Amino acid sequence: MSDEKFTRQTLLDVQTLTPSLFTLRTTRDKGFRFRAGQFARLGVTKADGSVVWRAYSMVSSPHDEFLEFFSIVVPGGSSPANSRGSSRETNC
């Protein structure tokens, strides 16, 4: 197992639910364990190579084969939802 404190996942889908609420769905490593209601920090690599980390609420079931997160839109903020044209790789 890696000494890194994160796993690399692929952003599968972004769904806009309202003008200020969206969901993110990513792949999930089989060894990634969590309890319902926990948060995870997701990091998205920007074009300049820096990583933007944000906390997201997990809404997927601990038994799902994917990870799903709820988040709100922050005007001018950085998030995977604002990075649709960039890399689809996400750090969890």
Protein backbone atom coordinates (compact mmCIF):
# COMPACT_ATOMS: atom_id res chain seq x y z
CA MET A 1 0.00 0.00 0.00
CA SER A 2 1.17 3.53 -0.74
CA ASP A 3 2.50 5.89 1.92
CA GLU A 4 0.42 8.66 0.35
CA LYS A 5 -2.57 9.81 2.37
CA PHE A 6 -4.86 9.93 -0.64
CA THR A 7 -6.02 7.78 -3.54
CA ARG A 8 -6.31 8.87 -7.16
CA GLN A 9 -9.81 8.54 -8.54
CA THR A 10 -11.42 9.50 -11.83
CA LEU A 11 -14.24 12.04 -11.94
CA LEU A 12 -17.07 10.17 -13.66
CA ASP A 13 -19.91 12.68 -13.57
CA VAL A 14 -21.01 16.10 -12.34
CA GLN A 15 -24.74 16.65 -11.96
CA THR A 16 -26.18 20.11 -11.39
CA LEU A 17 -29.22 19.78 -9.12
CA THR A 18 -30.00 23.48 -8.60
CA PRO A 19 -28.11 26.66 -9.50
CA SER A 20 -26.20 26.32 -6.21
CA LEU A 21 -26.09 22.53 -5.56
CA PHE A 22 -24.30 19.78 -7.46
CA THR A 23 -23.10 16.20 -7.06
CA LEU A 24 -19.78 14.65 -8.04
CA ARG A 25 -19.33 10.95 -8.78
CA THR A 26 -15.88 9.34 -8.84
CA THR A 27 -14.41 5.89 -9.12
CA ARG A 28 -13.67 4.14 -5.84
CA ASP A 29 -10.76 1.94 -4.81
CA LYS A 30 -11.95 -1.35 -3.29
CA GLY A 31 -9.95 -0.62 -0.13
CA PHE A 32 -11.48 2.84 0.45
CA ARG A 33 -13.64 2.50 3.58
CA PHE A 34 -15.90 5.07 5.22
CA ARG A 35 -19.02 5.44 7.32
CA ALA A 36 -22.20 7.16 6.18
CA GLY A 37 -22.10 10.91 6.88
CA GLN A 38 -18.33 11.30 6.72
CA PHE A 39 -16.52 13.95 4.70
CA ALA A 40 -13.60 13.53 2.34
CA ARG A 41 -11.18 16.08 1.00
CA LEU A 42 -10.97 16.08 -2.80
CA GLY A 43 -8.02 17.59 -4.58
CA VAL A 44 -8.18 18.73 -8.18
CA THR A 45 -5.01 19.48 -10.13
CA LYS A 46 -5.24 22.87 -11.84
CA ALA A 47 -3.65 23.73 -15.19
CA ASP A 48 -0.64 25.27 -13.41
CA GLY A 49 0.04 21.98 -11.55
CA SER A 50 -1.18 23.16 -8.14
CA VAL A 51 -3.79 21.12 -6.28
CA VAL A 52 -6.93 22.70 -4.83
CA TRP A 53 -8.29 20.72 -1.84
CA ARG A 54 -11.91 21.02 -0.67
CA ALA A 55 -14.03 19.06 1.84
CA TYR A 56 -17.09 17.31 0.44
CA SER A 57 -19.91 15.40 2.13
CA MET A 58 -20.11 11.76 0.99
CA VAL A 59 -23.63 10.75 -0.01
CA SER A 60 -22.88 7.37 -1.54
CA SER A 61 -23.50 4.23 0.44
CA PRO A 62 -20.45 2.62 2.06
CA HIS A 63 -21.26 -0.38 -0.17
CA ASP A 64 -21.48 1.47 -3.52
CA GLU A 65 -18.77 0.81 -6.12
CA PHE A 66 -18.39 4.57 -6.67
CA LEU A 67 -18.05 7.65 -4.45
CA GLU A 68 -20.65 10.41 -4.65
CA PHE A 69 -20.45 13.82 -3.01
CA PHE A 70 -22.79 16.82 -2.54
CA SER A 71 -21.46 20.34 -2.73
CA ILE A 72 -22.58 23.92 -3.17
CA VAL A 73 -21.45 26.38 -5.81
CA VAL A 74 -19.28 29.20 -4.49
CA PRO A 75 -19.17 32.05 -7.04
CA GLY A 76 -15.57 32.40 -8.22
CA GLY A 77 -14.52 29.33 -6.23
CA SER A 78 -12.42 26.38 -7.36
CA SER A 79 -14.03 22.96 -7.46
CA PRO A 80 -14.20 19.92 -9.74
CA ALA A 81 -17.50 21.31 -11.07
CA ASN A 82 -15.63 24.41 -12.25
CA SER A 83 -12.91 22.22 -13.83
CA ARG A 84 -14.94 20.32 -16.40
CA GLY A 85 -12.47 21.16 -19.14
CA SER A 86 -9.43 20.14 -17.10
CA SER A 87 -8.11 16.80 -15.90
CA ARG A 88 -10.71 14.25 -14.81
CA GLU A 89 -8.35 12.90 -12.15
CA THR A 90 -9.31 13.64 -8.56
CA ASN A 91 -7.40 12.96 -5.35
CA CYS A 92 -9.45 11.62 -2.42
